[in-house]
Amino acid sequence: MKLSPERIASLAGQMVEKLVAGGMIEPVADRRVLTVSLERVIVDELSVEDRINVEAKELMRKYESEIARGRMNEQQLFQMIKKQLVKEKGAIL
């Protein structure tokens, strides 16, 4: 994740305020509850790439010997696996 928790909280608060002010939403609960929920959604979305990277690295372990022998390029393999995982999961990075 590339944003600090403080920045995420600020963005979520700004989004809620703009949505309410623009009449796009009418909160049925306290705005703080809505803001905290939105923070969780933002964090979850931002961590998608991190989770995909971890999974790609785990899958790369199958090819450690080929990489060590120089038969496969580690970075290219990582990018190929990551691209496939993104496609399988329907993620947008």
N, C-alpha and C. Protein backbone atom coordinates (compact mmCIF):
# COMPACT_ATOMS: atom_id res chain seq x y z
N MET A 1 0.84 -1.16 0.00
CA MET A 1 0.00 0.00 0.00
C MET A 1 0.90 1.24 0.00
N LYS A 2 0.48 2.24 -0.74
CA LYS A 2 1.34 3.40 -0.92
C LYS A 2 0.85 4.66 -0.20
N LEU A 3 -0.26 4.57 0.50
CA LEU A 3 -0.78 5.72 1.23
C LEU A 3 -0.77 5.44 2.72
N SER A 4 -0.48 6.47 3.49
CA SER A 4 -0.47 6.31 4.95
C SER A 4 -1.91 6.19 5.45
N PRO A 5 -2.08 5.57 6.62
CA PRO A 5 -3.43 5.48 7.20
C PRO A 5 -4.07 6.86 7.40
N GLU A 6 -3.26 7.85 7.73
CA GLU A 6 -3.78 9.20 7.92
C GLU A 6 -4.32 9.77 6.61
N ARG A 7 -3.59 9.51 5.54
CA ARG A 7 -4.01 10.01 4.21
C ARG A 7 -5.28 9.31 3.77
N ILE A 8 -5.38 8.03 4.02
CA ILE A 8 -6.58 7.28 3.66
C ILE A 8 -7.78 7.81 4.44
N ALA A 9 -7.60 8.06 5.74
CA ALA A 9 -8.68 8.61 6.56
C ALA A 9 -9.12 9.97 6.03
N SER A 10 -8.16 10.78 5.65
CA SER A 10 -8.48 12.11 5.11
C SER A 10 -9.25 11.99 3.80
N LEU A 11 -8.80 11.13 2.91
CA LEU A 11 -9.49 10.94 1.63
C LEU A 11 -10.91 10.42 1.83
N ALA A 12 -11.08 9.46 2.72
CA ALA A 12 -12.40 8.91 2.99
C ALA A 12 -13.33 10.00 3.54
N GLY A 13 -12.82 10.80 4.46
CA GLY A 13 -13.62 11.89 5.02
C GLY A 13 -14.03 12.90 3.96
N GLN A 14 -13.09 13.25 3.09
CA GLN A 14 -13.39 14.20 2.02
C GLN A 14 -14.44 13.63 1.06
N MET A 15 -14.30 12.35 0.75
CA MET A 15 -15.26 11.71 -0.16
C MET A 15 -16.66 11.72 0.43
N VAL A 16 -16.77 11.36 1.69
CA VAL A 16 -18.08 11.34 2.34
C VAL A 16 -18.68 12.75 2.34
N GLU A 17 -17.89 13.73 2.71
CA GLU A 17 -18.39 15.11 2.74
C GLU A 17 -18.88 15.57 1.37
N LYS A 18 -18.12 15.28 0.33
CA LYS A 18 -18.51 15.70 -1.02
C LYS A 18 -19.76 14.97 -1.50
N LEU A 19 -19.85 13.67 -1.19
CA LEU A 19 -21.03 12.91 -1.60
C LEU A 19 -22.29 13.41 -0.89
N VAL A 20 -22.17 13.71 0.40
CA VAL A 20 -23.32 14.23 1.16
C VAL A 20 -23.67 15.64 0.67
N ALA A 21 -22.66 16.49 0.53
CA ALA A 21 -22.90 17.87 0.09
C ALA A 21 -23.51 17.92 -1.31
N GLY A 22 -23.13 16.98 -2.15
CA GLY A 22 -23.66 16.94 -3.52
C GLY A 22 -25.00 16.26 -3.62
N GLY A 23 -25.52 15.80 -2.50
CA GLY A 23 -26.81 15.14 -2.51
C GLY A 23 -26.80 13.75 -3.13
N MET A 24 -25.60 13.20 -3.30
CA MET A 24 -25.49 11.87 -3.91
C MET A 24 -25.82 10.74 -2.94
N ILE A 25 -25.59 11.01 -1.66
CA ILE A 25 -25.94 10.04 -0.64
C ILE A 25 -26.58 10.76 0.54
N GLU A 26 -27.37 10.03 1.26
CA GLU A 26 -27.98 10.55 2.48
C GLU A 26 -27.69 9.52 3.57
N PRO A 27 -26.69 9.79 4.40
CA PRO A 27 -26.30 8.78 5.40
C PRO A 27 -27.43 8.48 6.38
N VAL A 28 -27.60 7.19 6.66
CA VAL A 28 -28.61 6.78 7.63
C VAL A 28 -27.98 6.59 9.01
N ALA A 29 -26.66 6.64 9.06
CA ALA A 29 -25.93 6.52 10.32
C ALA A 29 -25.00 7.73 10.45
N ASP A 30 -24.28 7.77 11.52
CA ASP A 30 -23.30 8.83 11.75
C ASP A 30 -22.30 8.85 10.60
N ARG A 31 -21.91 10.02 10.17
CA ARG A 31 -20.94 10.14 9.07
C ARG A 31 -19.61 9.47 9.40
N ARG A 32 -19.25 9.46 10.66
CA ARG A 32 -17.98 8.82 11.05
C ARG A 32 -18.02 7.32 10.77
N VAL A 33 -19.17 6.69 10.99
CA VAL A 33 -19.32 5.26 10.69
C VAL A 33 -19.15 5.03 9.19
N LEU A 34 -19.76 5.87 8.40
CA LEU A 34 -19.63 5.77 6.95
C LEU A 34 -18.19 5.99 6.51
N THR A 35 -17.53 6.96 7.12
CA THR A 35 -16.14 7.26 6.79
C THR A 35 -15.23 6.08 7.12
N VAL A 36 -15.42 5.48 8.27
CA VAL A 36 -14.60 4.33 8.66
C VAL A 36 -14.82 3.16 7.71
N SER A 37 -16.07 2.94 7.31
CA SER A 37 -16.36 1.87 6.34
C SER A 37 -15.67 2.13 5.01
N LEU A 38 -15.70 3.38 4.58
CA LEU A 38 -15.04 3.74 3.33
C LEU A 38 -13.53 3.58 3.45
N GLU A 39 -12.97 3.90 4.60
CA GLU A 39 -11.53 3.69 4.81
C GLU A 39 -11.17 2.22 4.61
N ARG A 40 -12.00 1.32 5.16
CA ARG A 40 -11.73 -0.12 5.02
C ARG A 40 -11.77 -0.54 3.56
N VAL A 41 -12.71 -0.01 2.81
CA VAL A 41 -12.82 -0.34 1.39
C VAL A 41 -11.58 0.15 0.64
N ILE A 42 -11.14 1.36 0.93
CA ILE A 42 -9.96 1.92 0.27
C ILE A 42 -8.72 1.07 0.58
N VAL A 43 -8.53 0.73 1.84
CA VAL A 43 -7.38 -0.08 2.24
C VAL A 43 -7.41 -1.43 1.53
N ASP A 44 -8.60 -2.04 1.48
CA ASP A 44 -8.73 -3.34 0.83
C ASP A 44 -8.38 -3.24 -0.66
N GLU A 45 -8.86 -2.21 -1.32
CA GLU A 45 -8.57 -2.04 -2.74
C GLU A 45 -7.09 -1.77 -2.99
N LEU A 46 -6.49 -0.99 -2.13
CA LEU A 46 -5.07 -0.67 -2.30
C LEU A 46 -4.16 -1.87 -2.02
N SER A 47 -4.64 -2.81 -1.24
CA SER A 47 -3.81 -3.96 -0.90
C SER A 47 -3.93 -5.10 -1.90
N VAL A 48 -4.78 -4.96 -2.91
CA VAL A 48 -4.94 -6.01 -3.93
C VAL A 48 -3.60 -6.32 -4.58
N GLU A 49 -2.87 -5.31 -5.01
CA GLU A 49 -1.60 -5.55 -5.68
C GLU A 49 -0.59 -6.21 -4.74
N ASP A 50 -0.59 -5.80 -3.49
CA ASP A 50 0.31 -6.43 -2.51
C ASP A 50 0.03 -7.92 -2.39
N ARG A 51 -1.26 -8.28 -2.31
CA ARG A 51 -1.63 -9.69 -2.19
C ARG A 51 -1.25 -10.48 -3.44
N ILE A 52 -1.44 -9.87 -4.60
CA ILE A 52 -1.06 -10.53 -5.86
C ILE A 52 0.44 -10.73 -5.93
N ASN A 53 1.22 -9.74 -5.49
CA ASN A 53 2.68 -9.88 -5.48
C ASN A 53 3.12 -11.03 -4.59
N VAL A 54 2.51 -11.15 -3.42
CA VAL A 54 2.86 -12.24 -2.50
C VAL A 54 2.53 -13.59 -3.14
N GLU A 55 1.37 -13.69 -3.76
CA GLU A 55 0.98 -14.94 -4.40
C GLU A 55 1.91 -15.28 -5.57
N ALA A 56 2.30 -14.27 -6.34
CA ALA A 56 3.21 -14.49 -7.46
C ALA A 56 4.56 -15.00 -6.96
N LYS A 57 5.07 -14.43 -5.88
CA LYS A 57 6.34 -14.88 -5.31
C LYS A 57 6.26 -16.31 -4.80
N GLU A 58 5.11 -16.67 -4.23
CA GLU A 58 4.93 -18.04 -3.77
C GLU A 58 4.93 -19.01 -4.95
N LEU A 59 4.27 -18.63 -6.03
CA LEU A 59 4.23 -19.48 -7.22
C LEU A 59 5.61 -19.60 -7.87
N MET A 60 6.42 -18.58 -7.74
CA MET A 60 7.76 -18.60 -8.33
C MET A 60 8.67 -19.64 -7.69
N ARG A 61 8.36 -20.05 -6.47
CA ARG A 61 9.20 -21.03 -5.79
C ARG A 61 9.32 -22.32 -6.58
N LYS A 62 8.32 -22.63 -7.39
CA LYS A 62 8.36 -23.83 -8.23
C LYS A 62 9.51 -23.78 -9.23
N TYR A 63 9.94 -22.58 -9.55
CA TYR A 63 10.94 -22.39 -10.61
C TYR A 63 12.30 -21.96 -10.07
N GLU A 64 12.52 -22.10 -8.77
CA GLU A 64 13.77 -21.64 -8.17
C GLU A 64 15.00 -22.27 -8.81
N SER A 65 14.94 -23.56 -9.09
CA SER A 65 16.12 -24.22 -9.66
C SER A 65 16.41 -23.74 -11.08
N GLU A 66 15.35 -23.52 -11.88
CA GLU A 66 15.55 -23.02 -13.24
C GLU A 66 16.10 -21.59 -13.22
N ILE A 67 15.64 -20.80 -12.27
CA ILE A 67 16.13 -19.43 -12.14
C ILE A 67 17.60 -19.46 -11.73
N ALA A 68 17.93 -20.32 -10.77
CA ALA A 68 19.32 -20.42 -10.28
C ALA A 68 20.26 -20.87 -11.40
N ARG A 69 19.79 -21.73 -12.26
CA ARG A 69 20.63 -22.21 -13.37
C ARG A 69 20.69 -21.23 -14.53
N GLY A 70 19.93 -20.16 -14.44
CA GLY A 70 19.94 -19.16 -15.52
C GLY A 70 19.02 -19.51 -16.66
N ARG A 71 18.18 -20.51 -16.51
CA ARG A 71 17.26 -20.91 -17.57
C ARG A 71 16.04 -20.00 -17.66
N MET A 72 15.75 -19.32 -16.56
CA MET A 72 14.60 -18.42 -16.54
C MET A 72 15.02 -17.10 -15.92
N ASN A 73 14.48 -16.01 -16.46
CA ASN A 73 14.73 -14.69 -15.92
C ASN A 73 13.73 -14.43 -14.81
N GLU A 74 14.24 -14.17 -13.61
CA GLU A 74 13.39 -14.01 -12.43
C GLU A 74 12.37 -12.88 -12.60
N GLN A 75 12.81 -11.74 -13.07
CA GLN A 75 11.90 -10.59 -13.20
C GLN A 75 10.83 -10.84 -14.26
N GLN A 76 11.23 -11.43 -15.39
CA GLN A 76 10.26 -11.72 -16.43
C GLN A 76 9.24 -12.75 -15.96
N LEU A 77 9.71 -13.76 -15.26
CA LEU A 77 8.82 -14.78 -14.73
C LEU A 77 7.83 -14.16 -13.74
N PHE A 78 8.32 -13.31 -12.84
CA PHE A 78 7.45 -12.64 -11.88
C PHE A 78 6.37 -11.84 -12.61
N GLN A 79 6.77 -11.07 -13.61
CA GLN A 79 5.81 -10.25 -14.35
C GLN A 79 4.77 -11.12 -15.08
N MET A 80 5.21 -12.24 -15.64
CA MET A 80 4.28 -13.13 -16.33
C MET A 80 3.27 -13.73 -15.36
N ILE A 81 3.75 -14.19 -14.22
CA ILE A 81 2.86 -14.78 -13.22
C ILE A 81 1.90 -13.72 -12.69
N LYS A 82 2.42 -12.55 -12.40
CA LYS A 82 1.59 -11.47 -11.88
C LYS A 82 0.50 -11.08 -12.88
N LYS A 83 0.87 -10.98 -14.13
CA LYS A 83 -0.08 -10.63 -15.18
C LYS A 83 -1.20 -11.66 -15.24
N GLN A 84 -0.83 -12.94 -15.14
CA GLN A 84 -1.83 -14.01 -15.18
C GLN A 84 -2.76 -13.95 -13.96
N LEU A 85 -2.19 -13.69 -12.79
CA LEU A 85 -3.00 -13.59 -11.57
C LEU A 85 -3.98 -12.41 -11.65
N VAL A 86 -3.50 -11.29 -12.17
CA VAL A 86 -4.36 -10.12 -12.33
C VAL A 86 -5.53 -10.46 -13.24
N LYS A 87 -5.23 -11.15 -14.32
CA LYS A 87 -6.27 -11.54 -15.27
C LYS A 87 -7.27 -12.50 -14.63
N GLU A 88 -6.76 -13.51 -13.92
CA GLU A 88 -7.62 -14.51 -13.27
C GLU A 88 -8.54 -13.88 -12.24
N LYS A 89 -8.01 -12.92 -11.50
CA LYS A 89 -8.77 -12.30 -10.42
C LYS A 89 -9.63 -11.13 -10.88
N GLY A 90 -9.43 -10.71 -12.14
CA GLY A 90 -10.20 -9.59 -12.65
C GLY A 90 -9.83 -8.28 -11.97
N ALA A 91 -8.60 -8.20 -11.51
CA ALA A 91 -8.14 -7.00 -10.80
C ALA A 91 -7.74 -5.92 -11.78
N ILE A 92 -7.80 -4.70 -11.32
CA ILE A 92 -7.31 -3.56 -12.09
C ILE A 92 -6.24 -2.89 -11.24
N LEU A 93 -5.02 -2.87 -11.78
CA LEU A 93 -3.92 -2.28 -11.02
C LEU A 93 -3.53 -0.93 -11.58
